[in-house]
Amino acid sequence: MFTNVWVKYLPVLRIVLKRSLAAEQQFTLNAPDFERAGHKRKSGYKFLIKLRDGRLSNVIVDMPIASSLATALLEDAAIKEMVAANEFHISMNAKYQLTIKHIPHHQEQLQAADVEEA
């Protein structure tokens, strides 16, 4: 239902994910895109997606808008590569603002594991 909307945003999401490696990023989505794609909700849509090790680390099955975003992100080769090496938390609030946070602790754990193996 929302997949086509998220595919439209993929080029921007690639850039914002890269920028989030340095600092938390936030941008406002076009609300009518989502209202046309699904049921219009006065309260908007809210969700949190946690991406780690190239996959989801939380359950979002009951939120079609979130699950379609996760699917679109993980099907994009460039984004999947970034997610495989980093941890990101992506949230959306009722005002259609998407916030992307890079969780740096995850990368430090990977480096420590590499040192232990050597």
PDB file of N, CA and C in Angstrom:
ATOM      1  N   MET A   1       0.824  -1.186   0.000  1.00  0.00           N
ATOM      2  CA  MET A   1       0.000   0.000   0.000  1.00  0.00           C
ATOM      3  C   MET A   1       0.879   1.265   0.000  1.00  0.00           C
ATOM      4  N   PHE A   2       1.892   1.306   0.866  1.00  0.00           N
ATOM      5  CA  PHE A   2       2.755   2.490   0.949  1.00  0.00           C
ATOM      6  C   PHE A   2       4.081   2.309   0.216  1.00  0.00           C
ATOM      7  N   THR A   3       4.300   1.147  -0.361  1.00  0.00           N
ATOM      8  CA  THR A   3       5.588   0.851  -0.993  1.00  0.00           C
ATOM      9  C   THR A   3       5.942   1.860  -2.074  1.00  0.00           C
ATOM     10  N   ASN A   4       4.993   2.201  -2.933  1.00  0.00           N
ATOM     11  CA  ASN A   4       5.274   3.160  -4.012  1.00  0.00           C
ATOM     12  C   ASN A   4       5.688   4.527  -3.471  1.00  0.00           C
ATOM     13  N   VAL A   5       5.107   4.912  -2.355  1.00  0.00           N
ATOM     14  CA  VAL A   5       5.467   6.198  -1.747  1.00  0.00           C
ATOM     15  C   VAL A   5       6.913   6.148  -1.261  1.00  0.00           C
ATOM     16  N   TRP A   6       7.280   5.053  -0.580  1.00  0.00           N
ATOM     17  CA  TRP A   6       8.640   4.947  -0.050  1.00  0.00           C
ATOM     18  C   TRP A   6       9.672   4.826  -1.165  1.00  0.00           C
ATOM     19  N   VAL A   7       9.332   4.134  -2.239  1.00  0.00           N
ATOM     20  CA  VAL A   7      10.265   4.016  -3.372  1.00  0.00           C
ATOM     21  C   VAL A   7      10.570   5.401  -3.937  1.00  0.00           C
ATOM     22  N   LYS A   8       9.583   6.262  -3.943  1.00  0.00           N
ATOM     23  CA  LYS A   8       9.767   7.642  -4.410  1.00  0.00           C
ATOM     24  C   LYS A   8      10.810   8.378  -3.556  1.00  0.00           C
ATOM     25  N   TYR A   9      10.849   8.074  -2.269  1.00  0.00           N
ATOM     26  CA  TYR A   9      11.759   8.745  -1.338  1.00  0.00           C
ATOM     27  C   TYR A   9      13.140   8.084  -1.231  1.00  0.00           C
ATOM     28  N   LEU A  10      13.367   6.936  -1.861  1.00  0.00           N
ATOM     29  CA  LEU A  10      14.638   6.219  -1.703  1.00  0.00           C
ATOM     30  C   LEU A  10      15.881   7.062  -2.001  1.00  0.00           C
ATOM     31  N   PRO A  11      15.924   7.835  -3.086  1.00  0.00           N
ATOM     32  CA  PRO A  11      17.139   8.644  -3.321  1.00  0.00           C
ATOM     33  C   PRO A  11      17.443   9.609  -2.170  1.00  0.00           C
ATOM     34  N   VAL A  12      16.407  10.210  -1.610  1.00  0.00           N
ATOM     35  CA  VAL A  12      16.591  11.125  -0.481  1.00  0.00           C
ATOM     36  C   VAL A  12      17.008  10.346   0.762  1.00  0.00           C
ATOM     37  N   LEU A  13      16.402   9.190   0.971  1.00  0.00           N
ATOM     38  CA  LEU A  13      16.735   8.384   2.142  1.00  0.00           C
ATOM     39  C   LEU A  13      18.193   7.930   2.116  1.00  0.00           C
ATOM     40  N   ARG A  14      18.719   7.612   0.941  1.00  0.00           N
ATOM     41  CA  ARG A  14      20.139   7.241   0.833  1.00  0.00           C
ATOM     42  C   ARG A  14      21.025   8.373   1.347  1.00  0.00           C
ATOM     43  N   ILE A  15      20.737   9.580   0.901  1.00  0.00           N
ATOM     44  CA  ILE A  15      21.531  10.750   1.303  1.00  0.00           C
ATOM     45  C   ILE A  15      21.394  11.013   2.801  1.00  0.00           C
ATOM     46  N   VAL A  16      20.174  10.961   3.297  1.00  0.00           N
ATOM     47  CA  VAL A  16      19.933  11.256   4.706  1.00  0.00           C
ATOM     48  C   VAL A  16      20.560  10.189   5.607  1.00  0.00           C
ATOM     49  N   LEU A  17      20.524   8.935   5.188  1.00  0.00           N
ATOM     50  CA  LEU A  17      21.182   7.890   5.972  1.00  0.00           C
ATOM     51  C   LEU A  17      22.681   8.149   6.068  1.00  0.00           C
ATOM     52  N   LYS A  18      23.308   8.524   4.964  1.00  0.00           N
ATOM     53  CA  LYS A  18      24.743   8.838   4.990  1.00  0.00           C
ATOM     54  C   LYS A  18      25.022  10.015   5.919  1.00  0.00           C
ATOM     55  N   ARG A  19      24.202  11.039   5.841  1.00  0.00           N
ATOM     56  CA  ARG A  19      24.392  12.215   6.699  1.00  0.00           C
ATOM     57  C   ARG A  19      24.176  11.880   8.170  1.00  0.00           C
ATOM     58  N   SER A  20      23.309  10.914   8.443  1.00  0.00           N
ATOM     59  CA  SER A  20      23.021  10.563   9.833  1.00  0.00           C
ATOM     60  C   SER A  20      24.210   9.893  10.510  1.00  0.00           C
ATOM     61  N   LEU A  21      25.194   9.451   9.738  1.00  0.00           N
ATOM     62  CA  LEU A  21      26.401   8.888  10.340  1.00  0.00           C
ATOM     63  C   LEU A  21      27.136   9.954  11.152  1.00  0.00           C
ATOM     64  N   ALA A  22      26.991  11.213  10.775  1.00  0.00           N
ATOM     65  CA  ALA A  22      27.647  12.318  11.476  1.00  0.00           C
ATOM     66  C   ALA A  22      26.742  12.959  12.529  1.00  0.00           C
ATOM     67  N   ALA A  23      25.451  13.083  12.230  1.00  0.00           N
ATOM     68  CA  ALA A  23      24.516  13.729  13.160  1.00  0.00           C
ATOM     69  C   ALA A  23      23.095  13.273  12.855  1.00  0.00           C
ATOM     70  N   GLU A  24      22.242  13.310  13.871  1.00  0.00           N
ATOM     71  CA  GLU A  24      20.836  12.939  13.690  1.00  0.00           C
ATOM     72  C   GLU A  24      20.213  13.808  12.605  1.00  0.00           C
ATOM     73  N   GLN A  25      19.417  13.178  11.755  1.00  0.00           N
ATOM     74  CA  GLN A  25      18.787  13.882  10.641  1.00  0.00           C
ATOM     75  C   GLN A  25      17.273  13.818  10.774  1.00  0.00           C
ATOM     76  N   GLN A  26      16.612  14.886  10.341  1.00  0.00           N
ATOM     77  CA  GLN A  26      15.155  14.923  10.338  1.00  0.00           C
ATOM     78  C   GLN A  26      14.684  15.662   9.093  1.00  0.00           C
ATOM     79  N   PHE A  27      13.668  15.106   8.442  1.00  0.00           N
ATOM     80  CA  PHE A  27      13.069  15.822   7.324  1.00  0.00           C
ATOM     81  C   PHE A  27      11.584  15.523   7.266  1.00  0.00           C
ATOM     82  N   THR A  28      10.851  16.453   6.708  1.00  0.00           N
ATOM     83  CA  THR A  28       9.395  16.348   6.650  1.00  0.00           C
ATOM     84  C   THR A  28       8.970  15.751   5.318  1.00  0.00           C
ATOM     85  N   LEU A  29       8.121  14.750   5.413  1.00  0.00           N
ATOM     86  CA  LEU A  29       7.589  14.082   4.230  1.00  0.00           C
ATOM     87  C   LEU A  29       6.337  14.811   3.753  1.00  0.00           C
ATOM     88  N   ASN A  30       5.930  14.535   2.543  1.00  0.00           N
ATOM     89  CA  ASN A  30       4.737  15.143   1.969  1.00  0.00           C
ATOM     90  C   ASN A  30       3.505  14.352   2.431  1.00  0.00           C
ATOM     91  N   ALA A  31       2.752  14.898   3.367  1.00  0.00           N
ATOM     92  CA  ALA A  31       1.603  14.204   3.951  1.00  0.00           C
ATOM     93  C   ALA A  31       0.588  13.717   2.919  1.00  0.00           C
ATOM     94  N   PRO A  32       0.232  14.493   1.886  1.00  0.00           N
ATOM     95  CA  PRO A  32      -0.746  14.004   0.908  1.00  0.00           C
ATOM     96  C   PRO A  32      -0.319  12.712   0.200  1.00  0.00           C
ATOM     97  N   ASP A  33       0.982  12.481   0.054  1.00  0.00           N
ATOM     98  CA  ASP A  33       1.440  11.219  -0.540  1.00  0.00           C
ATOM     99  C   ASP A  33       0.921  10.034   0.259  1.00  0.00           C
ATOM    100  N   PHE A  34       0.993  10.135   1.574  1.00  0.00           N
ATOM    101  CA  PHE A  34       0.584   9.036   2.442  1.00  0.00           C
ATOM    102  C   PHE A  34      -0.930   8.963   2.575  1.00  0.00           C
ATOM    103  N   GLU A  35      -1.582  10.104   2.563  1.00  0.00           N
ATOM    104  CA  GLU A  35      -3.038  10.117   2.664  1.00  0.00           C
ATOM    105  C   GLU A  35      -3.679   9.506   1.426  1.00  0.00           C
ATOM    106  N   ARG A  36      -3.069   9.714   0.264  1.00  0.00           N
ATOM    107  CA  ARG A  36      -3.594   9.104  -0.969  1.00  0.00           C
ATOM    108  C   ARG A  36      -3.324   7.606  -1.005  1.00  0.00           C
ATOM    109  N   ALA A  37      -2.215   7.180  -0.420  1.00  0.00           N
ATOM    110  CA  ALA A  37      -1.825   5.774  -0.485  1.00  0.00           C
ATOM    111  C   ALA A  37      -2.600   4.897   0.488  1.00  0.00           C
ATOM    112  N   GLY A  38      -3.072   5.466   1.576  1.00  0.00           N
ATOM    113  CA  GLY A  38      -3.760   4.660   2.580  1.00  0.00           C
ATOM    114  C   GLY A  38      -4.926   5.407   3.171  1.00  0.00           C
ATOM    115  N   HIS A  39      -5.375   4.903   4.287  1.00  0.00           N
ATOM    116  CA  HIS A  39      -6.485   5.551   4.982  1.00  0.00           C
ATOM    117  C   HIS A  39      -6.010   6.864   5.585  1.00  0.00           C
ATOM    118  N   LYS A  40      -6.824   7.875   5.472  1.00  0.00           N
ATOM    119  CA  LYS A  40      -6.475   9.180   6.035  1.00  0.00           C
ATOM    120  C   LYS A  40      -6.676   9.113   7.548  1.00  0.00           C
ATOM    121  N   ARG A  41      -5.637   9.487   8.266  1.00  0.00           N
ATOM    122  CA  ARG A  41      -5.704   9.446   9.724  1.00  0.00           C
ATOM    123  C   ARG A  41      -5.450  10.844  10.265  1.00  0.00           C
ATOM    124  N   LYS A  42      -6.346  11.316  11.081  1.00  0.00           N
ATOM    125  CA  LYS A  42      -6.167  12.649  11.671  1.00  0.00           C
ATOM    126  C   LYS A  42      -4.946  12.695  12.575  1.00  0.00           C
ATOM    127  N   SER A  43      -4.663  11.586  13.226  1.00  0.00           N
ATOM    128  CA  SER A  43      -3.535  11.554  14.157  1.00  0.00           C
ATOM    129  C   SER A  43      -2.210  11.285  13.453  1.00  0.00           C
ATOM    130  N   GLY A  44      -2.242  11.047  12.150  1.00  0.00           N
ATOM    131  CA  GLY A  44      -1.011  10.755  11.415  1.00  0.00           C
ATOM    132  C   GLY A  44      -0.531   9.341  11.690  1.00  0.00           C
ATOM    133  N   TYR A  45       0.688   9.086  11.338  1.00  0.00           N
ATOM    134  CA  TYR A  45       1.284   7.772  11.539  1.00  0.00           C
ATOM    135  C   TYR A  45       2.516   7.923  12.411  1.00  0.00           C
ATOM    136  N   LYS A  46       2.689   7.016  13.366  1.00  0.00           N
ATOM    137  CA  LYS A  46       3.862   7.036  14.232  1.00  0.00           C
ATOM    138  C   LYS A  46       4.461   5.634  14.245  1.00  0.00           C
ATOM    139  N   PHE A  47       5.793   5.563  14.158  1.00  0.00           N
ATOM    140  CA  PHE A  47       6.454   4.269  14.258  1.00  0.00           C
ATOM    141  C   PHE A  47       7.928   4.452  14.564  1.00  0.00           C
ATOM    142  N   LEU A  48       8.567   3.345  14.943  1.00  0.00           N
ATOM    143  CA  LEU A  48      10.009   3.292  15.151  1.00  0.00           C
ATOM    144  C   LEU A  48      10.519   2.006  14.517  1.00  0.00           C
ATOM    145  N   ILE A  49      11.494   2.141  13.645  1.00  0.00           N
ATOM    146  CA  ILE A  49      12.134   0.991  13.005  1.00  0.00           C
ATOM    147  C   ILE A  49      13.575   0.949  13.488  1.00  0.00           C
ATOM    148  N   LYS A  50      14.012  -0.237  13.910  1.00  0.00           N
ATOM    149  CA  LYS A  50      15.410  -0.419  14.316  1.00  0.00           C
ATOM    150  C   LYS A  50      16.061  -1.370  13.317  1.00  0.00           C
ATOM    151  N   LEU A  51      17.053  -0.862  12.606  1.00  0.00           N
ATOM    152  CA  LEU A  51      17.767  -1.658  11.608  1.00  0.00           C
ATOM    153  C   LEU A  51      19.172  -1.939  12.125  1.00  0.00           C
ATOM    154  N   ARG A  52      19.545  -3.222  12.126  1.00  0.00           N
ATOM    155  CA  ARG A  52      20.852  -3.627  12.643  1.00  0.00           C
ATOM    156  C   ARG A  52      21.306  -4.894  11.927  1.00  0.00           C
ATOM    157  N   ASP A  53      22.571  -4.961  11.594  1.00  0.00           N
ATOM    158  CA  ASP A  53      23.148  -6.135  10.922  1.00  0.00           C
ATOM    159  C   ASP A  53      22.417  -6.474   9.626  1.00  0.00           C
ATOM    160  N   GLY A  54      21.964  -5.471   8.918  1.00  0.00           N
ATOM    161  CA  GLY A  54      21.311  -5.691   7.636  1.00  0.00           C
ATOM    162  C   GLY A  54      19.884  -6.185   7.715  1.00  0.00           C
ATOM    163  N   ARG A  55      19.271  -6.085   8.897  1.00  0.00           N
ATOM    164  CA  ARG A  55      17.879  -6.537   9.027  1.00  0.00           C
ATOM    165  C   ARG A  55      17.179  -5.786  10.154  1.00  0.00           C
ATOM    166  N   LEU A  56      15.888  -6.024  10.269  1.00  0.00           N
ATOM    167  CA  LEU A  56      15.088  -5.403  11.329  1.00  0.00           C
ATOM    168  C   LEU A  56      15.434  -6.031  12.668  1.00  0.00           C
ATOM    169  N   SER A  57      15.460  -5.221  13.713  1.00  0.00           N
ATOM    170  CA  SER A  57      15.683  -5.786  15.041  1.00  0.00           C
ATOM    171  C   SER A  57      14.474  -5.568  15.955  1.00  0.00           C
ATOM    172  N   ASN A  58      13.378  -5.062  15.396  1.00  0.00           N
ATOM    173  CA  ASN A  58      12.133  -4.951  16.163  1.00  0.00           C
ATOM    174  C   ASN A  58      10.960  -5.388  15.284  1.00  0.00           C
ATOM    175  N   VAL A  59       9.820  -5.650  15.911  1.00  0.00           N
ATOM    176  CA  VAL A  59       8.644  -6.158  15.204  1.00  0.00           C
ATOM    177  C   VAL A  59       7.748  -4.993  14.794  1.00  0.00           C
ATOM    178  N   ILE A  60       7.418  -4.936  13.491  1.00  0.00           N
ATOM    179  CA  ILE A  60       6.566  -3.849  12.977  1.00  0.00           C
ATOM    180  C   ILE A  60       5.457  -4.390  12.076  1.00  0.00           C
ATOM    181  N   VAL A  61       5.097  -5.645  12.257  1.00  0.00           N
ATOM    182  CA  VAL A  61       4.119  -6.303  11.387  1.00  0.00           C
ATOM    183  C   VAL A  61       2.773  -5.584  11.375  1.00  0.00           C
ATOM    184  N   ASP A  62       2.353  -5.055  12.508  1.00  0.00           N
ATOM    185  CA  ASP A  62       1.030  -4.432  12.602  1.00  0.00           C
ATOM    186  C   ASP A  62       0.990  -2.988  12.096  1.00  0.00           C
ATOM    187  N   MET A  63       2.103  -2.498  11.529  1.00  0.00           N
ATOM    188  CA  MET A  63       2.156  -1.133  10.996  1.00  0.00           C
ATOM    189  C   MET A  63       2.555  -1.176   9.522  1.00  0.00           C
ATOM    190  N   PRO A  64       1.586  -1.200   8.606  1.00  0.00           N
ATOM    191  CA  PRO A  64       1.907  -1.308   7.177  1.00  0.00           C
ATOM    192  C   PRO A  64       2.828  -0.207   6.665  1.00  0.00           C
ATOM    193  N   ILE A  65       2.686   1.004   7.173  1.00  0.00           N
ATOM    194  CA  ILE A  65       3.532   2.101   6.704  1.00  0.00           C
ATOM    195  C   ILE A  65       4.990   1.856   7.096  1.00  0.00           C
ATOM    196  N   ALA A  66       5.215   1.311   8.281  1.00  0.00           N
ATOM    197  CA  ALA A  66       6.578   1.023   8.744  1.00  0.00           C
ATOM    198  C   ALA A  66       7.152  -0.201   8.046  1.00  0.00           C
ATOM    199  N   SER A  67       6.354  -1.245   7.905  1.00  0.00           N
ATOM    200  CA  SER A  67       6.873  -2.459   7.269  1.00  0.00           C
ATOM    201  C   SER A  67       7.182  -2.229   5.795  1.00  0.00           C
ATOM    202  N   SER A  68       6.403  -1.398   5.115  1.00  0.00           N
ATOM    203  CA  SER A  68       6.704  -1.118   3.710  1.00  0.00           C
ATOM    204  C   SER A  68       7.966  -0.266   3.580  1.00  0.00           C
ATOM    205  N   LEU A  69       8.222   0.632   4.546  1.00  0.00           N
ATOM    206  CA  LEU A  69       9.478   1.390   4.539  1.00  0.00           C
ATOM    207  C   LEU A  69      10.656   0.451   4.755  1.00  0.00           C
ATOM    208  N   ALA A  70      10.549  -0.429   5.730  1.00  0.00           N
ATOM    209  CA  ALA A  70      11.637  -1.372   6.007  1.00  0.00           C
ATOM    210  C   ALA A  70      11.924  -2.244   4.792  1.00  0.00           C
ATOM    211  N   THR A  71      10.888  -2.717   4.137  1.00  0.00           N
ATOM    212  CA  THR A  71      11.061  -3.540   2.938  1.00  0.00           C
ATOM    213  C   THR A  71      11.752  -2.753   1.838  1.00  0.00           C
ATOM    214  N   ALA A  72      11.308  -1.532   1.595  1.00  0.00           N
ATOM    215  CA  ALA A  72      11.917  -0.702   0.549  1.00  0.00           C
ATOM    216  C   ALA A  72      13.386  -0.430   0.850  1.00  0.00           C
ATOM    217  N   LEU A  73      13.706  -0.150   2.111  1.00  0.00           N
ATOM    218  CA  LEU A  73      15.094   0.124   2.490  1.00  0.00           C
ATOM    219  C   LEU A  73      15.983  -1.101   2.305  1.00  0.00           C
ATOM    220  N   LEU A  74      15.494  -2.253   2.753  1.00  0.00           N
ATOM    221  CA  LEU A  74      16.316  -3.462   2.710  1.00  0.00           C
ATOM    222  C   LEU A  74      16.418  -4.063   1.315  1.00  0.00           C
ATOM    223  N   GLU A  75      15.555  -3.642   0.398  1.00  0.00           N
ATOM    224  CA  GLU A  75      15.654  -4.103  -0.990  1.00  0.00           C
ATOM    225  C   GLU A  75      16.577  -3.217  -1.821  1.00  0.00           C
ATOM    226  N   ASP A  76      16.967  -2.067  -1.287  1.00  0.00           N
ATOM    227  CA  ASP A  76      17.881  -1.158  -1.973  1.00  0.00           C
ATOM    228  C   ASP A  76      19.317  -1.555  -1.616  1.00  0.00           C
ATOM    229  N   ALA A  77      20.136  -1.871  -2.629  1.00  0.00           N
ATOM    230  CA  ALA A  77      21.490  -2.388  -2.399  1.00  0.00           C
ATOM    231  C   ALA A  77      22.368  -1.416  -1.613  1.00  0.00           C
ATOM    232  N   ALA A  78      22.351  -0.137  -1.965  1.00  0.00           N
ATOM    233  CA  ALA A  78      23.206   0.850  -1.289  1.00  0.00           C
ATOM    234  C   ALA A  78      22.809   1.015   0.176  1.00  0.00           C
ATOM    235  N   ILE A  79      21.522   1.053   0.436  1.00  0.00           N
ATOM    236  CA  ILE A  79      21.049   1.218   1.809  1.00  0.00           C
ATOM    237  C   ILE A  79      21.317  -0.045   2.612  1.00  0.00           C
ATOM    238  N   LYS A  80      21.090  -1.196   2.010  1.00  0.00           N
ATOM    239  CA  LYS A  80      21.328  -2.453   2.721  1.00  0.00           C
ATOM    240  C   LYS A  80      22.795  -2.570   3.135  1.00  0.00           C
ATOM    241  N   GLU A  81      23.696  -2.102   2.276  1.00  0.00           N
ATOM    242  CA  GLU A  81      25.125  -2.129   2.599  1.00  0.00           C
ATOM    243  C   GLU A  81      25.418  -1.246   3.821  1.00  0.00           C
ATOM    244  N   MET A  82      24.810  -0.067   3.878  1.00  0.00           N
ATOM    245  CA  MET A  82      24.998   0.823   5.035  1.00  0.00           C
ATOM    246  C   MET A  82      24.433   0.207   6.307  1.00  0.00           C
ATOM    247  N   VAL A  83      23.263  -0.418   6.182  1.00  0.00           N
ATOM    248  CA  VAL A  83      22.598  -1.008   7.342  1.00  0.00           C
ATOM    249  C   VAL A  83      23.365  -2.235   7.841  1.00  0.00           C
ATOM    250  N   ALA A  84      24.044  -2.934   6.945  1.00  0.00           N
ATOM    251  CA  ALA A  84      24.807  -4.114   7.342  1.00  0.00           C
ATOM    252  C   ALA A  84      25.975  -3.742   8.254  1.00  0.00           C
ATOM    253  N   ALA A  85      26.521  -2.553   8.075  1.00  0.00           N
ATOM    254  CA  ALA A  85      27.697  -2.134   8.840  1.00  0.00           C
ATOM    255  C   ALA A  85      27.362  -1.182   9.990  1.00  0.00           C
ATOM    256  N   ASN A  86      26.121  -0.743  10.085  1.00  0.00           N
ATOM    257  CA  ASN A  86      25.735   0.251  11.091  1.00  0.00           C
ATOM    258  C   ASN A  86      24.371  -0.090  11.674  1.00  0.00           C
ATOM    259  N   GLU A  87      24.033   0.587  12.747  1.00  0.00           N
ATOM    260  CA  GLU A  87      22.695   0.467  13.323  1.00  0.00           C
ATOM    261  C   GLU A  87      22.002   1.817  13.195  1.00  0.00           C
ATOM    262  N   PHE A  88      20.753   1.782  12.751  1.00  0.00           N
ATOM    263  CA  PHE A  88      19.961   2.997  12.578  1.00  0.00           C
ATOM    264  C   PHE A  88      18.606   2.828  13.251  1.00  0.00           C
ATOM    265  N   HIS A  89      18.120   3.901  13.841  1.00  0.00           N
ATOM    266  CA  HIS A  89      16.755   3.955  14.347  1.00  0.00           C
ATOM    267  C   HIS A  89      16.031   5.010  13.522  1.00  0.00           C
ATOM    268  N   ILE A  90      14.957   4.592  12.871  1.00  0.00           N
ATOM    269  CA  ILE A  90      14.187   5.481  12.004  1.00  0.00           C
ATOM    270  C   ILE A  90      12.789   5.608  12.596  1.00  0.00           C
ATOM    271  N   SER A  91      12.393   6.834  12.877  1.00  0.00           N
ATOM    272  CA  SER A  91      11.069   7.042  13.462  1.00  0.00           C
ATOM    273  C   SER A  91      10.308   8.098  12.672  1.00  0.00           C
ATOM    274  N   MET A  92       8.997   7.993  12.749  1.00  0.00           N
ATOM    275  CA  MET A  92       8.140   8.991  12.124  1.00  0.00           C
ATOM    276  C   MET A  92       7.128   9.448  13.162  1.00  0.00           C
ATOM    277  N   ASN A  93       6.897  10.760  13.212  1.00  0.00           N
ATOM    278  CA  ASN A  93       5.913  11.282  14.154  1.00  0.00           C
ATOM    279  C   ASN A  93       4.619  11.636  13.417  1.00  0.00           C
ATOM    280  N   ALA A  94       3.643  12.119  14.161  1.00  0.00           N
ATOM    281  CA  ALA A  94       2.323  12.411  13.592  1.00  0.00           C
ATOM    282  C   ALA A  94       2.341  13.554  12.583  1.00  0.00           C
ATOM    283  N   LYS A  95       3.420  14.331  12.557  1.00  0.00           N
ATOM    284  CA  LYS A  95       3.535  15.452  11.613  1.00  0.00           C
ATOM    285  C   LYS A  95       4.283  15.043  10.345  1.00  0.00           C
ATOM    286  N   TYR A  96       4.407  13.735  10.128  1.00  0.00           N
ATOM    287  CA  TYR A  96       5.089  13.195   8.947  1.00  0.00           C
ATOM    288  C   TYR A  96       6.556  13.626   8.888  1.00  0.00           C
ATOM    289  N   GLN A  97       7.187  13.710  10.043  1.00  0.00           N
ATOM    290  CA  GLN A  97       8.610  14.023  10.107  1.00  0.00           C
ATOM    291  C   GLN A  97       9.367  12.729  10.374  1.00  0.00           C
ATOM    292  N   LEU A  98      10.289  12.429   9.496  1.00  0.00           N
ATOM    293  CA  LEU A  98      11.105  11.229   9.615  1.00  0.00           C
ATOM    294  C   LEU A  98      12.417  11.611  10.291  1.00  0.00           C
ATOM    295  N   THR A  99      12.772  10.892  11.338  1.00  0.00           N
ATOM    296  CA  THR A  99      14.020  11.126  12.061  1.00  0.00           C
ATOM    297  C   THR A  99      14.882   9.883  11.929  1.00  0.00           C
ATOM    298  N   ILE A 100      16.138  10.086  11.554  1.00  0.00           N
ATOM    299  CA  ILE A 100      17.065   8.972  11.388  1.00  0.00           C
ATOM    300  C   ILE A 100      18.245   9.192  12.320  1.00  0.00           C
ATOM    301  N   LYS A 101      18.464   8.206  13.207  1.00  0.00           N
ATOM    302  CA  LYS A 101      19.569   8.275  14.163  1.00  0.00           C
ATOM    303  C   LYS A 101      20.528   7.123  13.893  1.00  0.00           C
ATOM    304  N   HIS A 102      21.790   7.440  13.842  1.00  0.00           N
ATOM    305  CA  HIS A 102      22.828   6.415  13.753  1.00  0.00           C
ATOM    306  C   HIS A 102      23.210   6.046  15.182  1.00  0.00           C
ATOM    307  N   ILE A 103      23.297   4.752  15.461  1.00  0.00           N
ATOM    308  CA  ILE A 103      23.688   4.283  16.785  1.00  0.00           C
ATOM    309  C   ILE A 103      25.143   3.825  16.684  1.00  0.00           C
ATOM    310  N   PRO A 104      26.102   4.651  17.103  1.00  0.00           N
ATOM    311  CA  PRO A 104      27.519   4.348  16.882  1.00  0.00           C
ATOM    312  C   PRO A 104      28.039   3.170  17.691  1.00  0.00           C
ATOM    313  N   HIS A 105      27.404   2.835  18.786  1.00  0.00           N
ATOM    314  CA  HIS A 105      27.869   1.745  19.641  1.00  0.00           C
ATOM    315  C   HIS A 105      27.979   0.439  18.870  1.00  0.00           C
ATOM    316  N   HIS A 106      27.070   0.205  17.937  1.00  0.00           N
ATOM    317  CA  HIS A 106      27.059  -1.038  17.163  1.00  0.00           C
ATOM    318  C   HIS A 106      28.354  -1.211  16.376  1.00  0.00           C
ATOM    319  N   GLN A 107      28.844  -0.167  15.756  1.00  0.00           N
ATOM    320  CA  GLN A 107      30.066  -0.247  14.957  1.00  0.00           C
ATOM    321  C   GLN A 107      31.262  -0.544  15.858  1.00  0.00           C
ATOM    322  N   GLU A 108      31.288   0.015  17.055  1.00  0.00           N
ATOM    323  CA  GLU A 108      32.371  -0.250  17.999  1.00  0.00           C
ATOM    324  C   GLU A 108      32.380  -1.715  18.409  1.00  0.00           C
ATOM    325  N   GLN A 109      31.204  -2.319  18.576  1.00  0.00           N
ATOM    326  CA  GLN A 109      31.123  -3.735  18.921  1.00  0.00           C
ATOM    327  C   GLN A 109      31.686  -4.599  17.803  1.00  0.00           C
ATOM    328  N   LEU A 110      31.383  -4.256  16.548  1.00  0.00           N
ATOM    329  CA  LEU A 110      31.909  -5.012  15.413  1.00  0.00           C
ATOM    330  C   LEU A 110      33.430  -4.931  15.365  1.00  0.00           C
ATOM    331  N   GLN A 111      33.990  -3.753  15.611  1.00  0.00           N
ATOM    332  CA  GLN A 111      35.438  -3.590  15.588  1.00  0.00           C
ATOM    333  C   GLN A 111      36.086  -4.379  16.718  1.00  0.00           C
ATOM    334  N   ALA A 112      35.479  -4.397  17.890  1.00  0.00           N
ATOM    335  CA  ALA A 112      36.011  -5.157  19.015  1.00  0.00           C
ATOM    336  C   ALA A 112      35.984  -6.651  18.715  1.00  0.00           C
ATOM    337  N   ALA A 113      34.939  -7.126  18.059  1.00  0.00           N
ATOM    338  CA  ALA A 113      34.842  -8.540  17.690  1.00  0.00           C
ATOM    339  C   ALA A 113      35.919  -8.910  16.679  1.00  0.00           C
ATOM    340  N   ASP A 114      36.209  -8.021  15.742  1.00  0.00           N
ATOM    341  CA  ASP A 114      37.263  -8.270  14.755  1.00  0.00           C
ATOM    342  C   ASP A 114      38.624  -8.372  15.426  1.00  0.00           C
ATOM    343  N   VAL A 115      38.877  -7.531  16.426  1.00  0.00           N
ATOM    344  CA  VAL A 115      40.154  -7.545  17.141  1.00  0.00           C
ATOM    345  C   VAL A 115      40.300  -8.844  17.920  1.00  0.00           C
ATOM    346  N   GLU A 116      39.218  -9.319  18.537  1.00  0.00           N
ATOM    347  CA  GLU A 116      39.259 -10.557  19.309  1.00  0.00           C
ATOM    348  C   GLU A 116      39.527 -11.762  18.420  1.00  0.00           C
ATOM    349  N   GLU A 117      38.994 -11.745  17.198  1.00  0.00           N
ATOM    350  CA  GLU A 117      39.192 -12.860  16.273  1.00  0.00           C
ATOM    351  C   GLU A 117      40.623 -12.920  15.757  1.00  0.00           C
ATOM    352  N   ALA A 118      41.292 -11.787  15.685  1.00  0.00           N
ATOM    353  CA  ALA A 118      42.648 -11.731  15.114  1.00  0.00           C
ATOM    354  C   ALA A 118      43.707 -12.220  16.059  1.00  0.00           C
TER     355      ALA A 118
END
